[in-house]
Amino acid sequence: MDAFSQLILLIAVVSFCTFQWLFHSVSPWVSSRVSLGFLTLSHKQQIEWNSRTVSTLHAIIVGLFCLYILLFDEAVNQDPVWGDPTLVKINVGITTGYLISDLLLIFYYWRAIGDKFFVIHHLAALYAYYYVLGQGMLPYFANFRLLAEFSTPCVNQRWFFEVLGYPKCSRPNIANGVLMAVVFFMVRIAVMPVYYSRMYSVYGTEAFYHVSFGGRSAWIFSSFCLDIMNIMWMHKIARGCYKVLHSSRQLKAQTQENGKVD
C-alpha cells in the first residue's frame, strides 16, 4: 500500500473515531447546554438527536468540500473517469468513516434509529466508494453525489422542531420546510439530468472501458438505487410541505375571519 493510500485509510479511521466521539460525548454535552428541551427528551429521542446532530455536521463539512472540488478541481472536471482523484479521495475518505460509524450506530440502536432505507443507502454508497478509494476511478461522479449532503441539515432541523414541540404551522417550521423542499429538489432531483448526461457522455469511450466491470456495475447500480430513494423521499417531502402550507393558509384565513366577526 502506497503512502497516499495509507493516508486515506488513516483519514477514514480518524473520521470514524471522530464521529463516534461527537455522537457519544460532544453532542450530548453541547445539546444539553444549547437547548433545554434536549433534557426533556426520552432516551430514544436523545439517541436520534445526537445522530442527527452528527449527521448535520458531516453534511456541512463534506458538502462544502464537494462544492469546492466541483468548482475548482479542473483535473476531475476535465476527466470525470480518471482525473486526479486526490481531493475527492480525501472527501470520500471522510464520508466513508462517517457512513461506517453511522451504520454501527444504526445497528446498535436499531430500536431508536433503525431504518432499512438508510442501511441500503449507506451500503450502496460504500459499495461505490470502495472503487473510488481503491482504484481512483470515477472521481467526478463520486464527488457529484456528495452534493446531496446540502439537503441534510434542513431535513434534520425539521425533526428537531418536531421533537421540541414546535407547531407545524409555526413560522420557523414553515420556513425550514419550504427551504428543505427547495434544497432537496435542487441537489438531489434537479441535478439528475446533469449527472446522467455526463454519464452518457463517457459511456462507450476508451476511459469507460478501462473501468473494471465491477466498478461500472457499482457506479450504475448505486446511482439508480440512490436516485430511486431520492425520488421517493422527494415525494414525501413535497406532500408534507404542501399539507403544512395548505393548513397554514386555512388557519390564517380562519383567524382573519374570526377577527372580522369580533
C-alpha atoms as a PDB file:
ATOM      1  CA  MET A   1       0.000   0.000   0.000  1.00  0.00           C
ATOM      2  CA  ASP A   2       1.466   3.363  -1.065  1.00  0.00           C
ATOM      3  CA  ALA A   3       1.807   6.340   1.262  1.00  0.00           C
ATOM      4  CA  PHE A   4      -1.257   8.184  -0.065  1.00  0.00           C
ATOM      5  CA  SER A   5      -3.476   5.103   0.284  1.00  0.00           C
ATOM      6  CA  GLN A   6      -2.289   4.772   3.869  1.00  0.00           C
ATOM      7  CA  LEU A   7      -3.167   8.447   4.403  1.00  0.00           C
ATOM      8  CA  ILE A   8      -6.711   7.901   3.052  1.00  0.00           C
ATOM      9  CA  LEU A   9      -7.126   4.862   5.292  1.00  0.00           C
ATOM     10  CA  LEU A  10      -5.966   6.959   8.245  1.00  0.00           C
ATOM     11  CA  ILE A  11      -8.442   9.712   7.311  1.00  0.00           C
ATOM     12  CA  ALA A  12     -11.295   7.177   7.211  1.00  0.00           C
ATOM     13  CA  VAL A  13     -10.299   5.733  10.601  1.00  0.00           C
ATOM     14  CA  VAL A  14      -9.928   9.187  12.171  1.00  0.00           C
ATOM     15  CA  SER A  15     -13.268  10.182  10.642  1.00  0.00           C
ATOM     16  CA  PHE A  16     -14.927   7.096  12.133  1.00  0.00           C
ATOM     17  CA  CYS A  17     -13.467   7.749  15.594  1.00  0.00           C
ATOM     18  CA  THR A  18     -14.282  11.466  15.443  1.00  0.00           C
ATOM     19  CA  PHE A  19     -17.933  10.930  14.570  1.00  0.00           C
ATOM     20  CA  GLN A  20     -18.262   8.289  17.290  1.00  0.00           C
ATOM     21  CA  TRP A  21     -16.794  10.776  19.781  1.00  0.00           C
ATOM     22  CA  LEU A  22     -19.124  13.524  18.544  1.00  0.00           C
ATOM     23  CA  PHE A  23     -22.128  11.227  18.964  1.00  0.00           C
ATOM     24  CA  HIS A  24     -21.301   9.842  22.393  1.00  0.00           C
ATOM     25  CA  SER A  25     -19.669  12.865  24.055  1.00  0.00           C
ATOM     26  CA  VAL A  26     -19.803  16.199  22.231  1.00  0.00           C
ATOM     27  CA  SER A  27     -23.413  16.264  21.027  1.00  0.00           C
ATOM     28  CA  PRO A  28     -24.991  15.351  24.408  1.00  0.00           C
ATOM     29  CA  TRP A  29     -22.795  17.891  26.246  1.00  0.00           C
ATOM     30  CA  VAL A  30     -23.402  20.754  23.808  1.00  0.00           C
ATOM     31  CA  SER A  31     -27.088  19.984  23.226  1.00  0.00           C
ATOM     32  CA  SER A  32     -27.914  19.958  26.933  1.00  0.00           C
ATOM     33  CA  ARG A  33     -26.467  23.469  27.228  1.00  0.00           C
ATOM     34  CA  VAL A  34     -27.752  24.948  23.975  1.00  0.00           C
ATOM     35  CA  SER A  35     -31.291  23.534  24.101  1.00  0.00           C
ATOM     36  CA  LEU A  36     -33.056  22.937  27.403  1.00  0.00           C
ATOM     37  CA  GLY A  37     -35.579  20.814  25.515  1.00  0.00           C
ATOM     38  CA  PHE A  38     -32.903  18.160  24.977  1.00  0.00           C
ATOM     39  CA  LEU A  39     -33.047  17.174  28.654  1.00  0.00           C
ATOM     40  CA  THR A  40     -36.802  16.549  28.467  1.00  0.00           C
ATOM     41  CA  LEU A  41     -36.497  14.070  25.601  1.00  0.00           C
ATOM     42  CA  SER A  42     -36.782  10.318  26.046  1.00  0.00           C
ATOM     43  CA  HIS A  43     -33.681   8.152  25.794  1.00  0.00           C
ATOM     44  CA  LYS A  44     -34.601   7.065  22.255  1.00  0.00           C
ATOM     45  CA  GLN A  45     -35.175  10.668  21.182  1.00  0.00           C
ATOM     46  CA  GLN A  46     -31.815  11.725  22.619  1.00  0.00           C
ATOM     47  CA  ILE A  47     -30.116   8.958  20.630  1.00  0.00           C
ATOM     48  CA  GLU A  48     -31.742  10.183  17.416  1.00  0.00           C
ATOM     49  CA  TRP A  49     -30.973  13.806  18.349  1.00  0.00           C
ATOM     50  CA  ASN A  50     -27.271  13.008  18.691  1.00  0.00           C
ATOM     51  CA  SER A  51     -27.316  11.005  15.470  1.00  0.00           C
ATOM     52  CA  ARG A  52     -28.876  13.888  13.549  1.00  0.00           C
ATOM     53  CA  THR A  53     -26.519  16.440  15.096  1.00  0.00           C
ATOM     54  CA  VAL A  54     -23.533  14.443  13.879  1.00  0.00           C
ATOM     55  CA  SER A  55     -25.227  13.955  10.512  1.00  0.00           C
ATOM     56  CA  THR A  56     -25.667  17.720  10.110  1.00  0.00           C
ATOM     57  CA  LEU A  57     -22.028  18.417  10.944  1.00  0.00           C
ATOM     58  CA  HIS A  58     -20.832  15.786   8.459  1.00  0.00           C
ATOM     59  CA  ALA A  59     -23.118  17.191   5.749  1.00  0.00           C
ATOM     60  CA  ILE A  60     -21.777  20.731   6.150  1.00  0.00           C
ATOM     61  CA  ILE A  61     -18.118  19.675   6.077  1.00  0.00           C
ATOM     62  CA  VAL A  62     -18.399  17.256   3.161  1.00  0.00           C
ATOM     63  CA  GLY A  63     -20.873  19.391   1.216  1.00  0.00           C
ATOM     64  CA  LEU A  64     -18.628  22.470   1.244  1.00  0.00           C
ATOM     65  CA  PHE A  65     -15.568  20.379   0.310  1.00  0.00           C
ATOM     66  CA  CYS A  66     -17.581  18.789  -2.517  1.00  0.00           C
ATOM     67  CA  LEU A  67     -18.661  22.179  -3.866  1.00  0.00           C
ATOM     68  CA  TYR A  68     -15.057  23.407  -3.811  1.00  0.00           C
ATOM     69  CA  ILE A  69     -13.910  20.388  -5.844  1.00  0.00           C
ATOM     70  CA  LEU A  70     -16.778  20.785  -8.307  1.00  0.00           C
ATOM     71  CA  LEU A  71     -15.926  24.446  -8.900  1.00  0.00           C
ATOM     72  CA  PHE A  72     -12.135  24.482  -8.791  1.00  0.00           C
ATOM     73  CA  ASP A  73     -10.692  20.994  -9.381  1.00  0.00           C
ATOM     74  CA  GLU A  74     -10.006  21.160 -13.143  1.00  0.00           C
ATOM     75  CA  ALA A  75      -8.424  17.698 -13.358  1.00  0.00           C
ATOM     76  CA  VAL A  76     -11.574  15.983 -12.093  1.00  0.00           C
ATOM     77  CA  ASN A  77     -13.938  18.113 -14.164  1.00  0.00           C
ATOM     78  CA  GLN A  78     -11.986  17.610 -17.384  1.00  0.00           C
ATOM     79  CA  ASP A  79     -11.615  13.850 -16.948  1.00  0.00           C
ATOM     80  CA  PRO A  80     -14.591  12.606 -14.907  1.00  0.00           C
ATOM     81  CA  VAL A  81     -13.492   8.967 -15.113  1.00  0.00           C
ATOM     82  CA  TRP A  82      -9.749   9.027 -14.447  1.00  0.00           C
ATOM     83  CA  GLY A  83      -8.956  12.615 -13.401  1.00  0.00           C
ATOM     84  CA  ASP A  84      -6.604  13.146 -10.434  1.00  0.00           C
ATOM     85  CA  PRO A  85      -8.740  11.921  -7.515  1.00  0.00           C
ATOM     86  CA  THR A  86      -6.592  13.301  -4.668  1.00  0.00           C
ATOM     87  CA  LEU A  87      -9.110  15.769  -3.187  1.00  0.00           C
ATOM     88  CA  VAL A  88     -12.064  13.523  -3.970  1.00  0.00           C
ATOM     89  CA  LYS A  89     -10.429  10.618  -2.151  1.00  0.00           C
ATOM     90  CA  ILE A  90      -9.907  12.785   0.930  1.00  0.00           C
ATOM     91  CA  ASN A  91     -13.570  13.832   0.910  1.00  0.00           C
ATOM     92  CA  VAL A  92     -14.790  10.296   0.249  1.00  0.00           C
ATOM     93  CA  GLY A  93     -12.484   9.036   2.997  1.00  0.00           C
ATOM     94  CA  ILE A  94     -14.198  11.390   5.467  1.00  0.00           C
ATOM     95  CA  THR A  95     -17.615  10.223   4.278  1.00  0.00           C
ATOM     96  CA  THR A  96     -16.617   6.551   4.429  1.00  0.00           C
ATOM     97  CA  GLY A  97     -15.618   6.926   8.073  1.00  0.00           C
ATOM     98  CA  TYR A  98     -18.928   8.644   8.806  1.00  0.00           C
ATOM     99  CA  LEU A  99     -21.040   6.041   6.968  1.00  0.00           C
ATOM    100  CA  ILE A 100     -19.404   3.130   8.785  1.00  0.00           C
ATOM    101  CA  SER A 101     -19.822   4.967  12.098  1.00  0.00           C
ATOM    102  CA  ASP A 102     -23.479   5.679  11.362  1.00  0.00           C
ATOM    103  CA  LEU A 103     -24.133   2.085  10.265  1.00  0.00           C
ATOM    104  CA  LEU A 104     -22.663   0.837  13.528  1.00  0.00           C
ATOM    105  CA  LEU A 105     -24.903   3.198  15.496  1.00  0.00           C
ATOM    106  CA  ILE A 106     -27.981   2.242  13.452  1.00  0.00           C
ATOM    107  CA  PHE A 107     -27.456  -1.452  14.159  1.00  0.00           C
ATOM    108  CA  TYR A 108     -26.575  -0.938  17.820  1.00  0.00           C
ATOM    109  CA  TYR A 109     -29.518   1.413  18.473  1.00  0.00           C
ATOM    110  CA  TRP A 110     -31.895  -0.208  15.997  1.00  0.00           C
ATOM    111  CA  ARG A 111     -34.977   0.286  18.161  1.00  0.00           C
ATOM    112  CA  ALA A 112     -34.310   4.027  18.303  1.00  0.00           C
ATOM    113  CA  ILE A 113     -32.895   4.898  14.869  1.00  0.00           C
ATOM    114  CA  GLY A 114     -33.126   1.695  12.825  1.00  0.00           C
ATOM    115  CA  ASP A 115     -34.206   2.305   9.218  1.00  0.00           C
ATOM    116  CA  LYS A 116     -33.797  -0.213   6.390  1.00  0.00           C
ATOM    117  CA  PHE A 117     -33.680   2.537   3.752  1.00  0.00           C
ATOM    118  CA  PHE A 118     -30.735   4.214   5.480  1.00  0.00           C
ATOM    119  CA  VAL A 119     -28.959   0.861   5.649  1.00  0.00           C
ATOM    120  CA  ILE A 120     -29.494   0.346   1.897  1.00  0.00           C
ATOM    121  CA  HIS A 121     -28.393   3.932   1.223  1.00  0.00           C
ATOM    122  CA  HIS A 122     -25.189   3.578   3.252  1.00  0.00           C
ATOM    123  CA  LEU A 123     -24.273   0.165   1.819  1.00  0.00           C
ATOM    124  CA  ALA A 124     -24.873   1.321  -1.767  1.00  0.00           C
ATOM    125  CA  ALA A 125     -22.679   4.377  -1.188  1.00  0.00           C
ATOM    126  CA  LEU A 126     -19.905   2.341   0.474  1.00  0.00           C
ATOM    127  CA  TYR A 127     -20.011  -0.201  -2.367  1.00  0.00           C
ATOM    128  CA  ALA A 128     -19.371   2.562  -4.901  1.00  0.00           C
ATOM    129  CA  TYR A 129     -16.786   4.379  -2.749  1.00  0.00           C
ATOM    130  CA  TYR A 130     -14.739   1.182  -2.480  1.00  0.00           C
ATOM    131  CA  TYR A 131     -13.798   1.576  -6.147  1.00  0.00           C
ATOM    132  CA  VAL A 132     -13.114   5.295  -5.791  1.00  0.00           C
ATOM    133  CA  LEU A 133     -10.749   4.793  -2.862  1.00  0.00           C
ATOM    134  CA  GLY A 134      -9.228   1.538  -4.073  1.00  0.00           C
ATOM    135  CA  GLN A 135      -8.705   2.323  -7.748  1.00  0.00           C
ATOM    136  CA  GLY A 136      -9.170   6.086  -8.055  1.00  0.00           C
ATOM    137  CA  MET A 137     -11.856   5.728 -10.707  1.00  0.00           C
ATOM    138  CA  LEU A 138     -14.891   7.928 -11.363  1.00  0.00           C
ATOM    139  CA  PRO A 139     -13.857  10.830  -9.077  1.00  0.00           C
ATOM    140  CA  TYR A 140     -16.211  13.359 -10.704  1.00  0.00           C
ATOM    141  CA  PHE A 141     -19.273  11.167 -10.198  1.00  0.00           C
ATOM    142  CA  ALA A 142     -18.339  10.235  -6.626  1.00  0.00           C
ATOM    143  CA  ASN A 143     -17.876  13.885  -5.743  1.00  0.00           C
ATOM    144  CA  PHE A 144     -21.061  14.957  -7.552  1.00  0.00           C
ATOM    145  CA  ARG A 145     -23.047  12.542  -5.397  1.00  0.00           C
ATOM    146  CA  LEU A 146     -21.919  14.359  -2.258  1.00  0.00           C
ATOM    147  CA  LEU A 147     -23.835  17.477  -3.355  1.00  0.00           C
ATOM    148  CA  ALA A 148     -26.871  15.724  -1.893  1.00  0.00           C
ATOM    149  CA  GLU A 149     -25.494  16.385   1.597  1.00  0.00           C
ATOM    150  CA  PHE A 150     -26.601  20.015   1.378  1.00  0.00           C
ATOM    151  CA  SER A 151     -30.199  18.904   1.968  1.00  0.00           C
ATOM    152  CA  THR A 152     -29.388  17.032   5.172  1.00  0.00           C
ATOM    153  CA  PRO A 153     -29.286  19.979   7.656  1.00  0.00           C
ATOM    154  CA  CYS A 154     -32.829  21.080   6.732  1.00  0.00           C
ATOM    155  CA  VAL A 155     -34.150  17.516   6.966  1.00  0.00           C
ATOM    156  CA  ASN A 156     -32.615  17.158  10.429  1.00  0.00           C
ATOM    157  CA  GLN A 157     -33.831  20.581  11.539  1.00  0.00           C
ATOM    158  CA  ARG A 158     -37.375  19.566  10.672  1.00  0.00           C
ATOM    159  CA  TRP A 159     -37.056  16.665  13.116  1.00  0.00           C
ATOM    160  CA  PHE A 160     -35.547  18.939  15.794  1.00  0.00           C
ATOM    161  CA  PHE A 161     -38.513  21.323  15.532  1.00  0.00           C
ATOM    162  CA  GLU A 162     -40.954  18.427  15.684  1.00  0.00           C
ATOM    163  CA  VAL A 163     -39.450  16.781  18.751  1.00  0.00           C
ATOM    164  CA  LEU A 164     -39.176  20.133  20.559  1.00  0.00           C
ATOM    165  CA  GLY A 165     -42.898  20.668  20.105  1.00  0.00           C
ATOM    166  CA  TYR A 166     -42.913  23.442  17.516  1.00  0.00           C
ATOM    167  CA  PRO A 167     -46.338  23.601  15.831  1.00  0.00           C
ATOM    168  CA  LYS A 168     -46.241  22.522  12.196  1.00  0.00           C
ATOM    169  CA  CYS A 169     -47.742  25.861  11.193  1.00  0.00           C
ATOM    170  CA  SER A 170     -45.192  27.928  13.141  1.00  0.00           C
ATOM    171  CA  ARG A 171     -43.056  30.313  11.083  1.00  0.00           C
ATOM    172  CA  PRO A 172     -39.726  28.571  11.822  1.00  0.00           C
ATOM    173  CA  ASN A 173     -41.212  25.208  10.835  1.00  0.00           C
ATOM    174  CA  ILE A 174     -42.787  26.531   7.645  1.00  0.00           C
ATOM    175  CA  ALA A 175     -39.625  28.400   6.624  1.00  0.00           C
ATOM    176  CA  ASN A 176     -37.470  25.335   7.218  1.00  0.00           C
ATOM    177  CA  GLY A 177     -39.975  23.077   5.440  1.00  0.00           C
ATOM    178  CA  VAL A 178     -40.037  25.204   2.304  1.00  0.00           C
ATOM    179  CA  LEU A 179     -36.240  25.547   2.332  1.00  0.00           C
ATOM    180  CA  MET A 180     -35.891  21.792   2.815  1.00  0.00           C
ATOM    181  CA  ALA A 181     -38.140  21.032  -0.165  1.00  0.00           C
ATOM    182  CA  VAL A 182     -36.337  23.536  -2.390  1.00  0.00           C
ATOM    183  CA  VAL A 183     -32.809  22.458  -1.434  1.00  0.00           C
ATOM    184  CA  PHE A 184     -33.668  18.754  -1.584  1.00  0.00           C
ATOM    185  CA  PHE A 185     -35.086  19.219  -5.066  1.00  0.00           C
ATOM    186  CA  MET A 186     -32.109  21.286  -6.249  1.00  0.00           C
ATOM    187  CA  VAL A 187     -29.300  18.998  -5.030  1.00  0.00           C
ATOM    188  CA  ARG A 188     -30.957  15.586  -5.452  1.00  0.00           C
ATOM    189  CA  ILE A 189     -33.572  15.822  -8.207  1.00  0.00           C
ATOM    190  CA  ALA A 190     -32.823  18.805 -10.454  1.00  0.00           C
ATOM    191  CA  VAL A 191     -29.183  17.721 -10.853  1.00  0.00           C
ATOM    192  CA  MET A 192     -30.115  14.286 -12.216  1.00  0.00           C
ATOM    193  CA  PRO A 193     -30.095  15.380 -15.883  1.00  0.00           C
ATOM    194  CA  VAL A 194     -26.627  16.901 -15.398  1.00  0.00           C
ATOM    195  CA  TYR A 195     -25.335  13.753 -13.707  1.00  0.00           C
ATOM    196  CA  TYR A 196     -26.775  11.277 -16.205  1.00  0.00           C
ATOM    197  CA  SER A 197     -25.876  13.384 -19.245  1.00  0.00           C
ATOM    198  CA  ARG A 198     -22.265  13.366 -18.042  1.00  0.00           C
ATOM    199  CA  MET A 199     -22.534   9.617 -17.503  1.00  0.00           C
ATOM    200  CA  TYR A 200     -23.893   9.200 -21.046  1.00  0.00           C
ATOM    201  CA  SER A 201     -21.100  11.376 -22.479  1.00  0.00           C
ATOM    202  CA  VAL A 202     -18.412   8.975 -21.229  1.00  0.00           C
ATOM    203  CA  TYR A 203     -20.330   5.769 -21.912  1.00  0.00           C
ATOM    204  CA  GLY A 204     -18.577   3.664 -24.536  1.00  0.00           C
ATOM    205  CA  THR A 205     -15.374   5.708 -24.510  1.00  0.00           C
ATOM    206  CA  GLU A 206     -11.918   4.233 -24.015  1.00  0.00           C
ATOM    207  CA  ALA A 207     -11.798   5.659 -20.480  1.00  0.00           C
ATOM    208  CA  PHE A 208     -15.135   3.978 -19.724  1.00  0.00           C
ATOM    209  CA  TYR A 209     -13.899   0.539 -20.764  1.00  0.00           C
ATOM    210  CA  HIS A 210     -10.754   0.943 -18.670  1.00  0.00           C
ATOM    211  CA  VAL A 211     -13.051   0.863 -15.643  1.00  0.00           C
ATOM    212  CA  SER A 212     -13.451  -2.684 -14.396  1.00  0.00           C
ATOM    213  CA  PHE A 213     -16.801  -4.440 -14.781  1.00  0.00           C
ATOM    214  CA  GLY A 214     -17.244  -4.349 -11.020  1.00  0.00           C
ATOM    215  CA  GLY A 215     -16.538  -0.627 -10.995  1.00  0.00           C
ATOM    216  CA  ARG A 216     -19.040   0.065 -13.769  1.00  0.00           C
ATOM    217  CA  SER A 217     -21.654  -2.083 -12.039  1.00  0.00           C
ATOM    218  CA  ALA A 218     -21.109  -0.310  -8.726  1.00  0.00           C
ATOM    219  CA  TRP A 219     -21.325   3.079 -10.407  1.00  0.00           C
ATOM    220  CA  ILE A 220     -24.522   2.415 -12.349  1.00  0.00           C
ATOM    221  CA  PHE A 221     -26.266   0.275  -9.719  1.00  0.00           C
ATOM    222  CA  SER A 222     -25.586   2.649  -6.820  1.00  0.00           C
ATOM    223  CA  SER A 223     -26.642   5.653  -8.925  1.00  0.00           C
ATOM    224  CA  PHE A 224     -30.018   4.127  -9.789  1.00  0.00           C
ATOM    225  CA  CYS A 225     -30.523   2.811  -6.276  1.00  0.00           C
ATOM    226  CA  LEU A 226     -29.801   6.167  -4.628  1.00  0.00           C
ATOM    227  CA  ASP A 227     -31.915   8.126  -7.093  1.00  0.00           C
ATOM    228  CA  ILE A 228     -34.918   5.856  -6.690  1.00  0.00           C
ATOM    229  CA  MET A 229     -34.769   6.542  -2.958  1.00  0.00           C
ATOM    230  CA  ASN A 230     -34.266  10.271  -3.606  1.00  0.00           C
ATOM    231  CA  ILE A 231     -37.421  10.362  -5.734  1.00  0.00           C
ATOM    232  CA  MET A 232     -39.370   8.513  -3.027  1.00  0.00           C
ATOM    233  CA  TRP A 233     -38.113  10.934  -0.348  1.00  0.00           C
ATOM    234  CA  MET A 234     -38.821  13.952  -2.568  1.00  0.00           C
ATOM    235  CA  HIS A 235     -42.396  12.780  -2.998  1.00  0.00           C
ATOM    236  CA  LYS A 236     -42.872  12.510   0.772  1.00  0.00           C
ATOM    237  CA  ILE A 237     -41.247  15.901   1.395  1.00  0.00           C
ATOM    238  CA  ALA A 238     -43.337  17.616  -1.292  1.00  0.00           C
ATOM    239  CA  ARG A 239     -46.557  16.165   0.100  1.00  0.00           C
ATOM    240  CA  GLY A 240     -45.625  17.174   3.632  1.00  0.00           C
ATOM    241  CA  CYS A 241     -44.699  20.690   2.546  1.00  0.00           C
ATOM    242  CA  TYR A 242     -47.965  21.090   0.646  1.00  0.00           C
ATOM    243  CA  LYS A 243     -50.031  19.923   3.629  1.00  0.00           C
ATOM    244  CA  VAL A 244     -48.301  22.338   6.010  1.00  0.00           C
ATOM    245  CA  LEU A 245     -48.646  25.296   3.637  1.00  0.00           C
ATOM    246  CA  HIS A 246     -52.300  24.446   2.980  1.00  0.00           C
ATOM    247  CA  SER A 247     -53.035  24.127   6.721  1.00  0.00           C
ATOM    248  CA  SER A 248     -51.227  27.404   7.383  1.00  0.00           C
ATOM    249  CA  ARG A 249     -53.331  29.239   4.804  1.00  0.00           C
ATOM    250  CA  GLN A 250     -56.538  27.780   6.210  1.00  0.00           C
ATOM    251  CA  LEU A 251     -55.526  28.774   9.738  1.00  0.00           C
ATOM    252  CA  LYS A 252     -54.628  32.290   8.610  1.00  0.00           C
ATOM    253  CA  ALA A 253     -57.920  32.689   6.745  1.00  0.00           C
ATOM    254  CA  GLN A 254     -59.861  31.403   9.742  1.00  0.00           C
ATOM    255  CA  THR A 255     -58.058  33.816  12.066  1.00  0.00           C
ATOM    256  CA  GLN A 256     -58.837  36.755   9.781  1.00  0.00           C
ATOM    257  CA  GLU A 257     -62.460  35.697   9.561  1.00  0.00           C
ATOM    258  CA  ASN A 258     -62.748  35.444  13.338  1.00  0.00           C
ATOM    259  CA  GLY A 259     -61.185  38.872  13.643  1.00  0.00           C
ATOM    260  CA  LYS A 260     -63.820  40.390  11.379  1.00  0.00           C
ATOM    261  CA  VAL A 261     -66.609  38.752  13.414  1.00  0.00           C
ATOM    262  CA  ASP A 262     -65.222  40.171  16.644  1.00  0.00           C
END
